[in-house]
Amino acid sequence: MSPSGRLESASLLRWGDPDGRGYGKHPFGAVFEGETRFGDFTLPRTVRAGWWFGGDRWPEGEFIRFTVDEAAYR
């Protein structure tokens, strides 16, 4: 978390077989960059997530990136 309280990243051990060597708990995480507001809600602007978070293999394990352009709450 940043000094201002903004969430910067989250990590956990996730069950999976990311490298085809057998299932188990592997480091997984996400990086949250920037902020965007929709009404009363503040969300991360961009998100990058994947396997081997925090390690040397993070660049190869990252498999999703997205930008939040719109959000609706019902």
PDB file of N, CA and C in Angstrom:
ATOM      1  N   MET A   1       0.848  -1.174   0.000  1.00  0.00           N
ATOM      2  CA  MET A   1       0.000   0.000   0.000  1.00  0.00           C
ATOM      3  C   MET A   1       0.892   1.235   0.000  1.00  0.00           C
ATOM      4  N   SER A   2       0.462   2.235  -0.740  1.00  0.00           N
ATOM      5  CA  SER A   2       1.238   3.472  -0.812  1.00  0.00           C
ATOM      6  C   SER A   2       1.037   4.297   0.459  1.00  0.00           C
ATOM      7  N   PRO A   3       1.861   5.311   0.693  1.00  0.00           N
ATOM      8  CA  PRO A   3       1.671   6.171   1.860  1.00  0.00           C
ATOM      9  C   PRO A   3       0.288   6.843   1.886  1.00  0.00           C
ATOM     10  N   SER A   4      -0.304   7.048   0.703  1.00  0.00           N
ATOM     11  CA  SER A   4      -1.632   7.680   0.645  1.00  0.00           C
ATOM     12  C   SER A   4      -2.763   6.684   0.876  1.00  0.00           C
ATOM     13  N   GLY A   5      -2.440   5.388   0.973  1.00  0.00           N
ATOM     14  CA  GLY A   5      -3.458   4.368   1.195  1.00  0.00           C
ATOM     15  C   GLY A   5      -3.905   3.663  -0.071  1.00  0.00           C
ATOM     16  N   ARG A   6      -3.338   4.026  -1.220  1.00  0.00           N
ATOM     17  CA  ARG A   6      -3.712   3.392  -2.487  1.00  0.00           C
ATOM     18  C   ARG A   6      -3.129   1.980  -2.544  1.00  0.00           C
ATOM     19  N   LEU A   7      -3.954   1.023  -2.929  1.00  0.00           N
ATOM     20  CA  LEU A   7      -3.508  -0.352  -3.100  1.00  0.00           C
ATOM     21  C   LEU A   7      -2.561  -0.414  -4.297  1.00  0.00           C
ATOM     22  N   GLU A   8      -1.349  -0.933  -4.099  1.00  0.00           N
ATOM     23  CA  GLU A   8      -0.353  -1.019  -5.168  1.00  0.00           C
ATOM     24  C   GLU A   8      -0.172  -2.431  -5.691  1.00  0.00           C
ATOM     25  N   SER A   9      -0.343  -3.435  -4.821  1.00  0.00           N
ATOM     26  CA  SER A   9      -0.190  -4.818  -5.251  1.00  0.00           C
ATOM     27  C   SER A   9      -0.858  -5.746  -4.238  1.00  0.00           C
ATOM     28  N   ALA A  10      -1.077  -6.979  -4.686  1.00  0.00           N
ATOM     29  CA  ALA A  10      -1.610  -8.030  -3.814  1.00  0.00           C
ATOM     30  C   ALA A  10      -1.006  -9.344  -4.282  1.00  0.00           C
ATOM     31  N   SER A  11      -0.723 -10.235  -3.346  1.00  0.00           N
ATOM     32  CA  SER A  11      -0.143 -11.525  -3.722  1.00  0.00           C
ATOM     33  C   SER A  11      -0.670 -12.628  -2.816  1.00  0.00           C
ATOM     34  N   LEU A  12      -0.585 -13.851  -3.324  1.00  0.00           N
ATOM     35  CA  LEU A  12      -1.055 -15.025  -2.595  1.00  0.00           C
ATOM     36  C   LEU A  12      -0.456 -16.261  -3.226  1.00  0.00           C
ATOM     37  N   LEU A  13      -0.578 -17.387  -2.558  1.00  0.00           N
ATOM     38  CA  LEU A  13      -0.227 -18.668  -3.157  1.00  0.00           C
ATOM     39  C   LEU A  13      -1.493 -19.209  -3.801  1.00  0.00           C
ATOM     40  N   ARG A  14      -1.433 -19.467  -5.113  1.00  0.00           N
ATOM     41  CA  ARG A  14      -2.603 -19.908  -5.873  1.00  0.00           C
ATOM     42  C   ARG A  14      -2.372 -21.330  -6.361  1.00  0.00           C
ATOM     43  N   TRP A  15      -3.403 -22.148  -6.272  1.00  0.00           N
ATOM     44  CA  TRP A  15      -3.338 -23.516  -6.754  1.00  0.00           C
ATOM     45  C   TRP A  15      -3.335 -23.510  -8.280  1.00  0.00           C
ATOM     46  N   GLY A  16      -2.429 -24.228  -8.891  1.00  0.00           N
ATOM     47  CA  GLY A  16      -2.402 -24.303 -10.341  1.00  0.00           C
ATOM     48  C   GLY A  16      -1.192 -25.060 -10.843  1.00  0.00           C
ATOM     49  N   ASP A  17      -1.077 -25.122 -12.148  1.00  0.00           N
ATOM     50  CA  ASP A  17       0.021 -25.795 -12.830  1.00  0.00           C
ATOM     51  C   ASP A  17       0.562 -24.863 -13.916  1.00  0.00           C
ATOM     52  N   PRO A  18       1.132 -23.722 -13.516  1.00  0.00           N
ATOM     53  CA  PRO A  18       1.503 -22.709 -14.492  1.00  0.00           C
ATOM     54  C   PRO A  18       2.636 -23.095 -15.437  1.00  0.00           C
ATOM     55  N   ASP A  19       3.467 -24.042 -15.061  1.00  0.00           N
ATOM     56  CA  ASP A  19       4.591 -24.413 -15.917  1.00  0.00           C
ATOM     57  C   ASP A  19       4.529 -25.849 -16.406  1.00  0.00           C
ATOM     58  N   GLY A  20       3.381 -26.515 -16.190  1.00  0.00           N
ATOM     59  CA  GLY A  20       3.202 -27.877 -16.680  1.00  0.00           C
ATOM     60  C   GLY A  20       3.985 -28.940 -15.941  1.00  0.00           C
ATOM     61  N   ARG A  21       4.408 -28.637 -14.725  1.00  0.00           N
ATOM     62  CA  ARG A  21       5.203 -29.599 -13.946  1.00  0.00           C
ATOM     63  C   ARG A  21       4.429 -30.208 -12.784  1.00  0.00           C
ATOM     64  N   GLY A  22       3.153 -29.980 -12.732  1.00  0.00           N
ATOM     65  CA  GLY A  22       2.334 -30.524 -11.662  1.00  0.00           C
ATOM     66  C   GLY A  22       1.653 -29.435 -10.855  1.00  0.00           C
ATOM     67  N   TYR A  23       0.502 -29.793 -10.337  1.00  0.00           N
ATOM     68  CA  TYR A  23      -0.287 -28.838  -9.564  1.00  0.00           C
ATOM     69  C   TYR A  23       0.288 -28.634  -8.172  1.00  0.00           C
ATOM     70  N   GLY A  24       0.148 -27.438  -7.698  1.00  0.00           N
ATOM     71  CA  GLY A  24       0.595 -27.076  -6.369  1.00  0.00           C
ATOM     72  C   GLY A  24       0.298 -25.612  -6.128  1.00  0.00           C
ATOM     73  N   LYS A  25       0.750 -25.118  -5.001  1.00  0.00           N
ATOM     74  CA  LYS A  25       0.591 -23.703  -4.674  1.00  0.00           C
ATOM     75  C   LYS A  25       1.789 -22.940  -5.223  1.00  0.00           C
ATOM     76  N   HIS A  26       1.501 -21.928  -6.050  1.00  0.00           N
ATOM     77  CA  HIS A  26       2.540 -21.137  -6.687  1.00  0.00           C
ATOM     78  C   HIS A  26       2.292 -19.659  -6.425  1.00  0.00           C
ATOM     79  N   PRO A  27       3.341 -18.846  -6.326  1.00  0.00           N
ATOM     80  CA  PRO A  27       3.152 -17.409  -6.124  1.00  0.00           C
ATOM     81  C   PRO A  27       2.345 -16.794  -7.278  1.00  0.00           C
ATOM     82  N   PHE A  28       1.364 -15.983  -6.916  1.00  0.00           N
ATOM     83  CA  PHE A  28       0.508 -15.302  -7.878  1.00  0.00           C
ATOM     84  C   PHE A  28       0.254 -13.906  -7.335  1.00  0.00           C
ATOM     85  N   GLY A  29       0.143 -12.942  -8.213  1.00  0.00           N
ATOM     86  CA  GLY A  29      -0.119 -11.601  -7.713  1.00  0.00           C
ATOM     87  C   GLY A  29      -0.527 -10.642  -8.797  1.00  0.00           C
ATOM     88  N   ALA A  30      -0.824  -9.434  -8.361  1.00  0.00           N
ATOM     89  CA  ALA A  30      -1.260  -8.379  -9.262  1.00  0.00           C
ATOM     90  C   ALA A  30      -0.655  -7.052  -8.845  1.00  0.00           C
ATOM     91  N   VAL A  31      -0.417  -6.211  -9.847  1.00  0.00           N
ATOM     92  CA  VAL A  31       0.059  -4.844  -9.639  1.00  0.00           C
ATOM     93  C   VAL A  31      -1.062  -3.914 -10.085  1.00  0.00           C
ATOM     94  N   PHE A  32      -1.388  -2.939  -9.245  1.00  0.00           N
ATOM     95  CA  PHE A  32      -2.442  -1.967  -9.530  1.00  0.00           C
ATOM     96  C   PHE A  32      -1.791  -0.601  -9.723  1.00  0.00           C
ATOM     97  N   GLU A  33      -2.028   0.001 -10.890  1.00  0.00           N
ATOM     98  CA  GLU A  33      -1.363   1.262 -11.205  1.00  0.00           C
ATOM     99  C   GLU A  33      -2.386   2.358 -11.459  1.00  0.00           C
ATOM    100  N   GLY A  34      -2.165   3.507 -10.856  1.00  0.00           N
ATOM    101  CA  GLY A  34      -3.049   4.646 -11.037  1.00  0.00           C
ATOM    102  C   GLY A  34      -4.404   4.433 -10.391  1.00  0.00           C
ATOM    103  N   GLU A  35      -5.224   5.435 -10.481  1.00  0.00           N
ATOM    104  CA  GLU A  35      -6.583   5.364  -9.949  1.00  0.00           C
ATOM    105  C   GLU A  35      -7.527   6.078 -10.902  1.00  0.00           C
ATOM    106  N   THR A  36      -8.770   5.631 -10.891  1.00  0.00           N
ATOM    107  CA  THR A  36      -9.823   6.289 -11.643  1.00  0.00           C
ATOM    108  C   THR A  36     -11.093   6.258 -10.807  1.00  0.00           C
ATOM    109  N   ARG A  37     -11.889   7.313 -10.908  1.00  0.00           N
ATOM    110  CA  ARG A  37     -13.114   7.413 -10.101  1.00  0.00           C
ATOM    111  C   ARG A  37     -14.336   7.266 -10.983  1.00  0.00           C
ATOM    112  N   PHE A  38     -15.310   6.549 -10.445  1.00  0.00           N
ATOM    113  CA  PHE A  38     -16.619   6.397 -11.063  1.00  0.00           C
ATOM    114  C   PHE A  38     -17.635   6.660  -9.963  1.00  0.00           C
ATOM    115  N   GLY A  39     -18.218   7.849  -9.975  1.00  0.00           N
ATOM    116  CA  GLY A  39     -19.132   8.221  -8.895  1.00  0.00           C
ATOM    117  C   GLY A  39     -18.372   8.272  -7.585  1.00  0.00           C
ATOM    118  N   ASP A  40     -18.879   7.545  -6.596  1.00  0.00           N
ATOM    119  CA  ASP A  40     -18.261   7.519  -5.271  1.00  0.00           C
ATOM    120  C   ASP A  40     -17.169   6.458  -5.133  1.00  0.00           C
ATOM    121  N   PHE A  41     -16.873   5.737  -6.192  1.00  0.00           N
ATOM    122  CA  PHE A  41     -15.937   4.624  -6.120  1.00  0.00           C
ATOM    123  C   PHE A  41     -14.616   4.966  -6.796  1.00  0.00           C
ATOM    124  N   THR A  42     -13.524   4.555  -6.163  1.00  0.00           N
ATOM    125  CA  THR A  42     -12.188   4.700  -6.731  1.00  0.00           C
ATOM    126  C   THR A  42     -11.661   3.305  -7.024  1.00  0.00           C
ATOM    127  N   LEU A  43     -11.203   3.093  -8.256  1.00  0.00           N
ATOM    128  CA  LEU A  43     -10.692   1.795  -8.690  1.00  0.00           C
ATOM    129  C   LEU A  43      -9.295   1.958  -9.273  1.00  0.00           C
ATOM    130  N   PRO A  44      -8.531   0.859  -9.294  1.00  0.00           N
ATOM    131  CA  PRO A  44      -7.249   0.928  -9.988  1.00  0.00           C
ATOM    132  C   PRO A  44      -7.486   1.232 -11.468  1.00  0.00           C
ATOM    133  N   ARG A  45      -6.617   2.018 -12.066  1.00  0.00           N
ATOM    134  CA  ARG A  45      -6.742   2.348 -13.492  1.00  0.00           C
ATOM    135  C   ARG A  45      -6.276   1.186 -14.366  1.00  0.00           C
ATOM    136  N   THR A  46      -5.129   0.598 -14.049  1.00  0.00           N
ATOM    137  CA  THR A  46      -4.631  -0.558 -14.793  1.00  0.00           C
ATOM    138  C   THR A  46      -4.252  -1.672 -13.828  1.00  0.00           C
ATOM    139  N   VAL A  47      -4.372  -2.906 -14.310  1.00  0.00           N
ATOM    140  CA  VAL A  47      -4.055  -4.086 -13.508  1.00  0.00           C
ATOM    141  C   VAL A  47      -3.218  -5.023 -14.369  1.00  0.00           C
ATOM    142  N   ARG A  48      -2.160  -5.567 -13.773  1.00  0.00           N
ATOM    143  CA  ARG A  48      -1.328  -6.603 -14.391  1.00  0.00           C
ATOM    144  C   ARG A  48      -1.252  -7.753 -13.393  1.00  0.00           C
ATOM    145  N   ALA A  49      -1.484  -8.995 -13.852  1.00  0.00           N
ATOM    146  CA  ALA A  49      -1.497 -10.121 -12.923  1.00  0.00           C
ATOM    147  C   ALA A  49      -0.886 -11.361 -13.560  1.00  0.00           C
ATOM    148  N   GLY A  50      -0.401 -12.258 -12.691  1.00  0.00           N
ATOM    149  CA  GLY A  50       0.149 -13.507 -13.198  1.00  0.00           C
ATOM    150  C   GLY A  50       0.903 -14.297 -12.143  1.00  0.00           C
ATOM    151  N   TRP A  51       1.501 -15.376 -12.624  1.00  0.00           N
ATOM    152  CA  TRP A  51       2.247 -16.311 -11.787  1.00  0.00           C
ATOM    153  C   TRP A  51       3.629 -15.770 -11.428  1.00  0.00           C
ATOM    154  N   TRP A  52       4.197 -16.330 -10.399  1.00  0.00           N
ATOM    155  CA  TRP A  52       5.571 -16.075  -9.917  1.00  0.00           C
ATOM    156  C   TRP A  52       5.777 -14.617  -9.529  1.00  0.00           C
ATOM    157  N   PHE A  53       4.737 -14.041  -8.964  1.00  0.00           N
ATOM    158  CA  PHE A  53       4.784 -12.646  -8.541  1.00  0.00           C
ATOM    159  C   PHE A  53       5.926 -12.427  -7.552  1.00  0.00           C
ATOM    160  N   GLY A  54       6.687 -11.364  -7.771  1.00  0.00           N
ATOM    161  CA  GLY A  54       7.764 -11.002  -6.859  1.00  0.00           C
ATOM    162  C   GLY A  54       9.069 -11.727  -7.090  1.00  0.00           C
ATOM    163  N   GLY A  55       9.108 -12.597  -8.108  1.00  0.00           N
ATOM    164  CA  GLY A  55      10.328 -13.340  -8.378  1.00  0.00           C
ATOM    165  C   GLY A  55      10.884 -13.063  -9.760  1.00  0.00           C
ATOM    166  N   ASP A  56      11.959 -13.763 -10.086  1.00  0.00           N
ATOM    167  CA  ASP A  56      12.623 -13.577 -11.377  1.00  0.00           C
ATOM    168  C   ASP A  56      11.741 -13.983 -12.560  1.00  0.00           C
ATOM    169  N   ARG A  57      10.797 -14.883 -12.326  1.00  0.00           N
ATOM    170  CA  ARG A  57       9.954 -15.386 -13.419  1.00  0.00           C
ATOM    171  C   ARG A  57       8.680 -14.563 -13.626  1.00  0.00           C
ATOM    172  N   TRP A  58       8.490 -13.512 -12.823  1.00  0.00           N
ATOM    173  CA  TRP A  58       7.283 -12.682 -12.945  1.00  0.00           C
ATOM    174  C   TRP A  58       7.045 -12.208 -14.382  1.00  0.00           C
ATOM    175  N   PRO A  59       8.040 -11.698 -15.115  1.00  0.00           N
ATOM    176  CA  PRO A  59       7.764 -11.234 -16.480  1.00  0.00           C
ATOM    177  C   PRO A  59       7.191 -12.335 -17.387  1.00  0.00           C
ATOM    178  N   GLU A  60       7.641 -13.569 -17.229  1.00  0.00           N
ATOM    179  CA  GLU A  60       7.123 -14.663 -18.058  1.00  0.00           C
ATOM    180  C   GLU A  60       5.776 -15.166 -17.540  1.00  0.00           C
ATOM    181  N   GLY A  61       5.490 -14.979 -16.261  1.00  0.00           N
ATOM    182  CA  GLY A  61       4.238 -15.466 -15.676  1.00  0.00           C
ATOM    183  C   GLY A  61       3.064 -14.523 -15.830  1.00  0.00           C
ATOM    184  N   GLU A  62       3.338 -13.262 -16.104  1.00  0.00           N
ATOM    185  CA  GLU A  62       2.255 -12.289 -16.264  1.00  0.00           C
ATOM    186  C   GLU A  62       1.417 -12.654 -17.487  1.00  0.00           C
ATOM    187  N   PHE A  63       0.101 -12.830 -17.293  1.00  0.00           N
ATOM    188  CA  PHE A  63      -0.732 -13.257 -18.411  1.00  0.00           C
ATOM    189  C   PHE A  63      -1.972 -12.411 -18.643  1.00  0.00           C
ATOM    190  N   ILE A  64      -2.202 -11.410 -17.811  1.00  0.00           N
ATOM    191  CA  ILE A  64      -3.352 -10.558 -18.053  1.00  0.00           C
ATOM    192  C   ILE A  64      -3.000  -9.117 -17.709  1.00  0.00           C
ATOM    193  N   ARG A  65      -3.461  -8.226 -18.573  1.00  0.00           N
ATOM    194  CA  ARG A  65      -3.346  -6.780 -18.353  1.00  0.00           C
ATOM    195  C   ARG A  65      -4.660  -6.169 -18.794  1.00  0.00           C
ATOM    196  N   PHE A  66      -5.159  -5.238 -18.004  1.00  0.00           N
ATOM    197  CA  PHE A  66      -6.348  -4.521 -18.455  1.00  0.00           C
ATOM    198  C   PHE A  66      -6.395  -3.130 -17.861  1.00  0.00           C
ATOM    199  N   THR A  67      -7.145  -2.272 -18.532  1.00  0.00           N
ATOM    200  CA  THR A  67      -7.383  -0.902 -18.113  1.00  0.00           C
ATOM    201  C   THR A  67      -8.864  -0.739 -17.853  1.00  0.00           C
ATOM    202  N   VAL A  68      -9.211  -0.130 -16.735  1.00  0.00           N
ATOM    203  CA  VAL A  68     -10.615   0.122 -16.400  1.00  0.00           C
ATOM    204  C   VAL A  68     -11.016   1.443 -17.039  1.00  0.00           C
ATOM    205  N   ASP A  69     -11.895   1.368 -18.040  1.00  0.00           N
ATOM    206  CA  ASP A  69     -12.374   2.551 -18.741  1.00  0.00           C
ATOM    207  C   ASP A  69     -13.756   2.985 -18.282  1.00  0.00           C
ATOM    208  N   GLU A  70     -14.490   2.031 -17.715  1.00  0.00           N
ATOM    209  CA  GLU A  70     -15.869   2.326 -17.319  1.00  0.00           C
ATOM    210  C   GLU A  70     -16.290   1.325 -16.247  1.00  0.00           C
ATOM    211  N   ALA A  71     -17.103   1.754 -15.331  1.00  0.00           N
ATOM    212  CA  ALA A  71     -17.644   0.869 -14.303  1.00  0.00           C
ATOM    213  C   ALA A  71     -19.043   1.326 -13.938  1.00  0.00           C
ATOM    214  N   ALA A  72     -19.933   0.374 -13.733  1.00  0.00           N
ATOM    215  CA  ALA A  72     -21.312   0.681 -13.339  1.00  0.00           C
ATOM    216  C   ALA A  72     -21.671  -0.188 -12.141  1.00  0.00           C
ATOM    217  N   TYR A  73     -22.256   0.394 -11.143  1.00  0.00           N
ATOM    218  CA  TYR A  73     -22.665  -0.306  -9.933  1.00  0.00           C
ATOM    219  C   TYR A  73     -24.178  -0.317  -9.859  1.00  0.00           C
ATOM    220  N   ARG A  74     -24.721  -1.492  -9.589  1.00  0.00           N
ATOM    221  CA  ARG A  74     -26.181  -1.640  -9.535  1.00  0.00           C
ATOM    222  C   ARG A  74     -26.597  -2.282  -8.252  1.00  0.00           C
TER     223      ARG A  74
END
